[in-house]
Protein backbone atom coordinates (compact mmCIF):
# COMPACT_ATOMS: atom_id res chain seq x y z
CA UNK A 1 -3.01 2.22 15.46
CA UNK A 2 -0.29 1.10 13.10
CA UNK A 3 -0.79 -2.61 12.46
CA UNK A 4 2.06 -4.56 10.90
CA UNK A 5 2.76 -8.02 9.62
CA UNK A 6 6.24 -9.27 10.43
CA UNK A 7 8.55 -12.17 11.06
CA UNK A 8 11.53 -12.39 13.32
CA UNK A 9 14.92 -12.12 11.64
CA UNK A 10 16.01 -15.62 10.64
CA UNK A 11 12.47 -17.04 10.88
CA UNK A 12 11.13 -16.18 7.42
CA UNK A 13 8.19 -18.59 7.64
CA UNK A 14 6.87 -17.39 11.00
CA UNK A 15 4.41 -14.66 10.00
CA UNK A 16 2.92 -12.67 12.90
CA UNK A 17 0.61 -9.70 13.33
CA UNK A 18 1.66 -6.87 15.59
CA UNK A 19 1.15 -3.27 16.58
CA UNK A 20 3.94 -0.78 15.89
CA UNK A 21 4.37 1.08 19.19
CA UNK A 22 5.99 4.04 17.42
CA UNK A 23 9.12 6.05 18.22
CA UNK A 24 11.34 3.00 17.79
CA UNK A 25 9.74 1.20 20.73
CA UNK A 26 9.33 -2.09 18.90
CA UNK A 27 6.44 -4.21 17.71
CA UNK A 28 3.88 -5.72 20.05
CA UNK A 29 3.27 -9.36 19.03
CA UNK A 30 -0.49 -9.95 19.22
CA UNK A 31 -0.13 -13.74 19.30
CA UNK A 32 2.19 -13.48 22.31
CA UNK A 33 -0.28 -11.13 24.00
CA UNK A 34 -3.31 -13.32 23.32
CA UNK A 35 -2.79 -16.88 22.00
CA UNK A 36 -6.29 -16.82 20.48
CA UNK A 37 -5.20 -14.13 18.02
CA UNK A 38 -4.46 -15.24 14.42
CA UNK A 39 -1.11 -15.26 12.63
CA UNK A 40 -2.02 -13.04 9.65
CA UNK A 41 -3.54 -9.61 9.11
CA UNK A 42 -6.25 -10.96 6.86
CA UNK A 43 -7.40 -13.34 9.59
CA UNK A 44 -7.31 -10.51 12.11
CA UNK A 45 -9.55 -8.39 9.88
CA UNK A 46 -11.94 -11.31 9.43
CA UNK A 47 -12.42 -11.30 13.21
CA UNK A 48 -13.98 -7.86 12.93
CA UNK A 49 -14.28 -5.68 16.03
CA UNK A 50 -12.97 -8.40 18.34
CA UNK A 51 -9.59 -8.41 16.60
CA UNK A 52 -9.25 -4.62 16.61
CA UNK A 53 -10.28 -4.41 20.25
CA UNK A 54 -7.62 -6.94 21.19
CA UNK A 55 -4.97 -4.96 19.28
CA UNK A 56 -6.00 -1.75 21.02
CA UNK A 57 -5.96 -3.45 24.41
CA UNK A 58 -2.51 -4.89 23.73
CA UNK A 59 -1.19 -1.44 22.76
CA UNK A 60 -2.57 0.10 25.93
CA UNK A 61 -1.09 -2.60 28.20
CA UNK A 62 2.13 -3.21 26.21
CA UNK A 63 3.54 -6.02 28.33
CA UNK A 64 7.32 -6.08 27.91
CA UNK A 65 7.45 -9.82 27.25
CA UNK A 66 5.27 -9.35 24.15
CA UNK A 67 7.36 -6.57 22.57
CA UNK A 68 9.83 -7.49 19.81
CA UNK A 69 12.68 -4.96 19.26
CA UNK A 70 12.88 -3.55 15.74
CA UNK A 71 16.38 -4.98 15.37
CA UNK A 72 14.81 -8.46 15.50
CA UNK A 73 11.93 -7.70 13.11
CA UNK A 74 11.59 -8.03 9.36
CA UNK A 75 8.54 -6.04 8.27
CA UNK A 76 6.40 -7.70 5.61
CA UNK A 77 3.58 -6.39 3.48
CA UNK A 78 0.68 -5.65 5.86
CA UNK A 79 -1.48 -7.95 3.71
CA UNK A 80 -0.34 -11.20 2.12
CA UNK A 81 -2.41 -13.12 -0.45
CA UNK A 82 -5.51 -10.90 -0.50
CA UNK A 83 -8.50 -12.07 -2.50
CA UNK A 84 -8.27 -8.96 -4.69
CA UNK A 85 -5.91 -6.14 -5.59
CA UNK A 86 -8.11 -3.44 -7.13
CA UNK A 87 -6.50 -0.42 -8.81
CA UNK A 88 -7.85 2.90 -10.03
CA UNK A 89 -6.26 4.46 -13.11
CA UNK A 90 -6.10 8.13 -14.04
CA UNK A 91 -7.41 9.20 -10.64
CA UNK A 92 -5.36 12.36 -9.99
CA UNK A 93 -6.35 15.58 -11.72
CA UNK A 94 -2.72 16.70 -11.99
CA UNK A 95 -1.71 13.29 -13.42
CA UNK A 96 -4.34 13.68 -16.13
CA UNK A 97 -3.05 17.16 -16.90
CA UNK A 98 0.57 16.00 -17.33
CA UNK A 99 -0.51 13.68 -20.16
CA UNK A 100 -3.20 15.95 -21.65
CA UNK A 101 -5.86 13.37 -20.86
CA UNK A 102 -9.50 14.20 -20.08
CA UNK A 103 -10.75 13.85 -16.50
CA UNK A 104 -12.54 10.47 -16.27
CA UNK A 105 -16.29 10.60 -15.71
CA UNK A 106 -16.28 7.27 -13.85
CA UNK A 107 -13.52 5.27 -12.13
CA UNK A 108 -11.15 3.38 -14.43
CA UNK A 109 -10.68 0.02 -12.69
CA UNK A 110 -8.00 -2.58 -13.34
CA UNK A 111 -6.22 -5.13 -11.19
CA UNK A 112 -2.91 -6.66 -10.24
CA UNK A 113 -2.52 -10.31 -9.31
CA UNK A 114 -1.99 -10.76 -5.54
CA UNK A 115 1.30 -12.52 -6.34
CA UNK A 116 2.71 -9.09 -7.31
CA UNK A 117 2.66 -7.99 -3.66
CA UNK A 118 6.01 -7.70 -1.93
CA UNK A 119 7.22 -6.16 1.31
CA UNK A 120 8.09 -2.50 1.85
CA UNK A 121 11.81 -3.23 2.18
CA UNK A 122 12.03 -6.02 -0.38
CA UNK A 123 13.64 -5.76 -3.79
CA UNK A 124 11.73 -5.03 -6.98
CA UNK A 125 12.83 -7.51 -9.62
CA UNK A 126 13.42 -5.92 -13.00
CA UNK A 127 12.15 -8.52 -15.50
CA UNK A 128 14.15 -9.34 -18.61
CA UNK A 129 10.92 -9.00 -20.58
CA UNK A 130 10.66 -5.25 -20.00
CA UNK A 131 12.98 -2.29 -20.56
CA UNK A 132 10.51 0.34 -19.35
CA UNK A 133 9.81 -0.24 -15.64
CA UNK A 134 8.29 2.83 -14.01
CA UNK A 135 7.28 4.01 -10.53
CA UNK A 136 3.84 5.05 -9.23
CA UNK A 137 3.49 5.98 -5.56
CA UNK A 138 -0.09 5.50 -4.33
CA UNK A 139 -2.24 5.77 -1.25
CA UNK A 140 -3.78 2.35 -0.66
CA UNK A 141 -6.57 1.18 1.57
CA UNK A 142 -7.62 -2.24 2.84
CA UNK A 143 -11.16 -3.55 3.25
CA UNK A 144 -12.10 -4.58 6.79
CA UNK A 145 -15.45 -6.32 6.35
CA UNK A 146 -17.51 -8.05 3.70
CA UNK A 147 -19.92 -6.00 1.61
CA UNK A 148 -21.77 -5.66 -1.69
CA UNK A 149 -23.66 -2.68 -3.14
CA UNK A 150 -22.18 -0.42 -0.47
CA UNK A 151 -23.50 3.13 -0.29
CA UNK A 152 -21.02 6.01 -0.37
CA UNK A 153 -22.19 7.26 3.01
CA UNK A 154 -21.43 3.86 4.56
CA UNK A 155 -18.22 3.13 2.66
CA UNK A 156 -15.65 4.22 5.26
CA UNK A 157 -17.07 1.74 7.77
CA UNK A 158 -15.87 -1.01 5.40
CA UNK A 159 -12.30 0.34 5.28
CA UNK A 160 -9.90 -1.09 7.89
CA UNK A 161 -7.10 1.36 7.20
CA UNK A 162 -4.60 2.98 4.86
CA UNK A 163 -1.08 2.18 3.72
CA UNK A 164 1.45 3.02 1.00
CA UNK A 165 1.75 1.16 -2.30
CA UNK A 166 3.78 1.42 -5.46
CA UNK A 167 2.01 0.42 -8.64
CA UNK A 168 5.23 -0.55 -10.42
CA UNK A 169 4.49 -0.65 -14.14
CA UNK A 170 6.18 -2.07 -17.24
CA UNK A 171 5.15 0.66 -19.68
CA UNK A 172 6.10 -1.28 -22.81
CA UNK A 173 3.65 -4.05 -21.84
CA UNK A 174 1.04 -1.60 -20.56
CA UNK A 175 1.03 0.79 -23.51
CA UNK A 176 2.35 -1.08 -26.55
CA UNK A 177 1.81 -4.83 -26.15
CA UNK A 178 -0.88 -7.28 -25.02
CA UNK A 179 -3.48 -5.31 -26.96
CA UNK A 180 -2.74 -2.36 -24.65
CA UNK A 181 -4.56 -4.18 -21.86
CA UNK A 182 -2.89 -3.05 -18.63
CA UNK A 183 -2.83 -6.29 -16.63
CA UNK A 184 0.45 -7.88 -17.75
CA UNK A 185 2.38 -4.63 -17.50
CA UNK A 186 1.15 -4.14 -13.95
CA UNK A 187 1.50 -7.58 -12.45
CA UNK A 188 5.03 -8.91 -12.80
CA UNK A 189 6.30 -10.50 -9.58
CA UNK A 190 7.28 -7.85 -7.00
CA UNK A 191 5.38 -5.07 -8.84
CA UNK A 192 3.26 -4.14 -5.80
CA UNK A 193 5.41 -3.09 -2.81
CA UNK A 194 3.04 -2.49 0.09
CA UNK A 195 3.41 -1.14 3.61
CA UNK A 196 5.00 -1.16 6.04
CA UNK A 197 1.99 -0.45 8.28
CA UNK A 198 -1.77 -0.51 7.98
CA UNK A 199 -2.80 2.74 9.67
CA UNK A 200 -6.32 2.20 11.01
CA UNK A 201 -9.05 4.44 9.63
CA UNK A 202 -9.73 5.97 13.05
CA UNK A 203 -6.13 7.26 13.15
CA UNK A 204 -6.33 9.09 9.79
CA UNK A 205 -8.42 12.24 10.11
CA UNK A 206 -8.59 12.99 6.39
CA UNK A 207 -7.09 10.54 3.88
CA UNK A 208 -7.91 13.01 1.12
CA UNK A 209 -5.55 15.69 2.38
CA UNK A 210 -2.19 13.91 2.57
CA UNK A 211 1.01 14.87 0.85
CA UNK A 212 2.15 12.09 -1.48
CA UNK A 213 5.71 11.82 -2.72
CA UNK A 214 8.07 9.40 -4.45
CA UNK A 215 11.86 9.68 -4.36
CA UNK A 216 14.22 7.94 -6.78
CA UNK A 217 17.91 7.97 -5.83
CA UNK A 218 17.09 10.61 -3.22
CA UNK A 219 15.40 12.94 -5.73
CA UNK A 220 11.68 13.70 -5.45
CA UNK A 221 10.08 12.65 -8.73
CA UNK A 222 6.44 12.76 -7.60
CA UNK A 223 5.13 15.35 -5.15
CA UNK A 224 1.42 16.08 -4.85
CA UNK A 225 -1.52 15.79 -2.45
CA UNK A 226 -4.38 13.33 -2.18
CA UNK A 227 -6.75 16.28 -2.47
CA UNK A 228 -6.10 15.83 -6.20
CA UNK A 229 -7.95 12.50 -6.21
CA UNK A 230 -10.87 12.55 -8.63
CA UNK A 231 -12.73 9.64 -7.04
CA UNK A 232 -12.33 9.51 -3.27
CA UNK A 233 -12.23 6.38 -1.13
CA UNK A 234 -16.00 6.33 -0.57
CA UNK A 235 -16.75 6.65 -4.28
CA UNK A 236 -14.33 3.89 -5.21
CA UNK A 237 -15.74 1.47 -2.62
CA UNK A 238 -19.31 2.17 -3.72
CA UNK A 239 -18.43 1.84 -7.41
CA UNK A 240 -16.47 -1.40 -7.24
CA UNK A 241 -18.92 -3.06 -4.83
CA UNK A 242 -21.59 -2.82 -7.51
CA UNK A 243 -19.69 -5.47 -9.45
CA UNK A 244 -17.96 -7.67 -6.87
CA UNK A 245 -18.34 -8.58 -3.22
CA UNK A 246 -15.61 -6.96 -1.17
CA UNK A 247 -13.89 -9.11 1.45
CA UNK A 248 -11.64 -8.42 4.44
CA UNK A 249 -8.07 -7.95 3.25
CA UNK A 250 -8.92 -6.75 -0.25
CA UNK A 251 -6.36 -4.11 -1.27
CA UNK A 252 -7.23 -0.95 -3.23
CA UNK A 253 -4.62 1.26 -4.93
CA UNK A 254 -6.16 4.67 -5.47
CA UNK A 255 -4.06 6.09 -8.31
CA UNK A 256 -0.83 8.00 -8.76
CA UNK A 257 0.03 11.72 -9.06
CA UNK A 258 2.17 13.30 -11.82
CA UNK A 259 5.89 12.72 -12.17
CA UNK A 260 6.03 9.16 -13.51
CA UNK A 261 8.98 8.34 -15.71
CA UNK A 262 7.13 7.58 -18.92
CA UNK A 263 5.84 11.15 -19.33
CA UNK A 264 9.21 12.82 -18.77
CA UNK A 265 11.14 14.27 -21.70
CA UNK A 266 13.03 12.12 -22.39
CA UNK A 267 11.32 9.21 -20.55
CA UNK A 268 13.13 7.81 -17.51
CA UNK A 269 12.85 4.23 -16.27
CA UNK A 270 14.23 2.23 -13.36
CA UNK A 271 17.57 0.54 -14.00
CA UNK A 272 19.58 -2.14 -12.24
CA UNK A 273 22.10 -0.56 -9.89
CA UNK A 274 25.83 -1.17 -10.28
CA UNK A 275 26.05 -3.40 -7.21
CA UNK A 276 22.62 -5.05 -7.20
CA UNK A 277 20.52 -6.98 -9.66
CA UNK A 278 17.42 -5.34 -8.22
CA UNK A 279 16.28 -1.88 -7.37
CA UNK A 280 15.98 -1.52 -3.61
CA UNK A 281 12.59 -0.22 -2.52
CA UNK A 282 12.09 1.55 0.79
CA UNK A 283 9.31 3.40 2.50
CA UNK A 284 10.73 5.97 4.85
CA UNK A 285 9.84 4.10 8.01
CA UNK A 286 12.97 5.14 9.93
CA UNK A 287 11.93 8.77 9.52
CA UNK A 288 8.75 8.04 11.48
CA UNK A 289 6.67 8.43 8.35
CA UNK A 290 3.72 6.60 9.84
CA UNK A 291 3.91 8.66 13.02
CA UNK A 292 3.60 11.67 10.73
CA UNK A 293 0.58 10.23 8.96
CA UNK A 294 -1.19 9.45 12.21
CA UNK A 295 -0.29 12.62 14.09
CA UNK A 296 0.04 15.28 11.43
CA UNK A 297 -1.81 13.92 8.39
CA UNK A 298 1.16 15.01 6.37
CA UNK A 299 2.87 12.71 3.93
CA UNK A 300 2.75 9.48 1.96
CA UNK A 301 6.26 8.57 0.84
CA UNK A 302 7.87 5.96 -1.37
CA UNK A 303 11.67 6.02 -1.56
CA UNK A 304 13.98 4.23 -3.99
CA UNK A 305 17.74 3.92 -3.52
């Protein structure tokens, strides 16, 4: 299933959870299907199996009165206000190679504030405080149930699903200022575009064999495969859960492949367009990207225009 969080056009405060029916057939509003269903994805995940079973049942029945046409939908981040946004640095072999860095022997963990999350079609605000804003396409996953000290062999049962993220980064603040601590450079408002859909774990045969690509102005700047991940999903869940209790809705960004702007010669950073004060961020939803992920296990895409 492809679970989404959305609001109707013109009703920005009315957050709903739905199921993307695919092939442009609209979004099935779970609250309309079953009034006992919650309004947010995090609450749906907290319901556990009951929530997922209701979503599956709704998709199978697909009553016409519960389907919202895409023309009336504004897709939001699949998770809003998670308890945690956990990130893994230096987690692609080919990304380490592009900067002549050693392969980490254990996961490098940092975080972004949840307030950095923005929707897949929302603007990224370029802050006045930084002149070196960079892109990082990433495969993300979302925790589906509470756990601590989770074993690797059990880890996938704690994962609700996968989505696309961009770990937007202010390199001047990440690499030169704030004592070279990464947090401030990673967590400006709008620096974590997420979505559009949470693809349930059961629909992704192998999350560690997906193409992953980022386009800037129509040009592919990152193009790799998640088989380059050093620490896979199970290892990351087991590692982090040694330190903190994981909760439904927690978001994990798994790292970025090579091709980021800072390591180009000369370095390249995002700029304000001529007609907009922001850089427009898109995930290629119209090209049935998520249908590709579910059916063909093929590609994770982030697209800037």
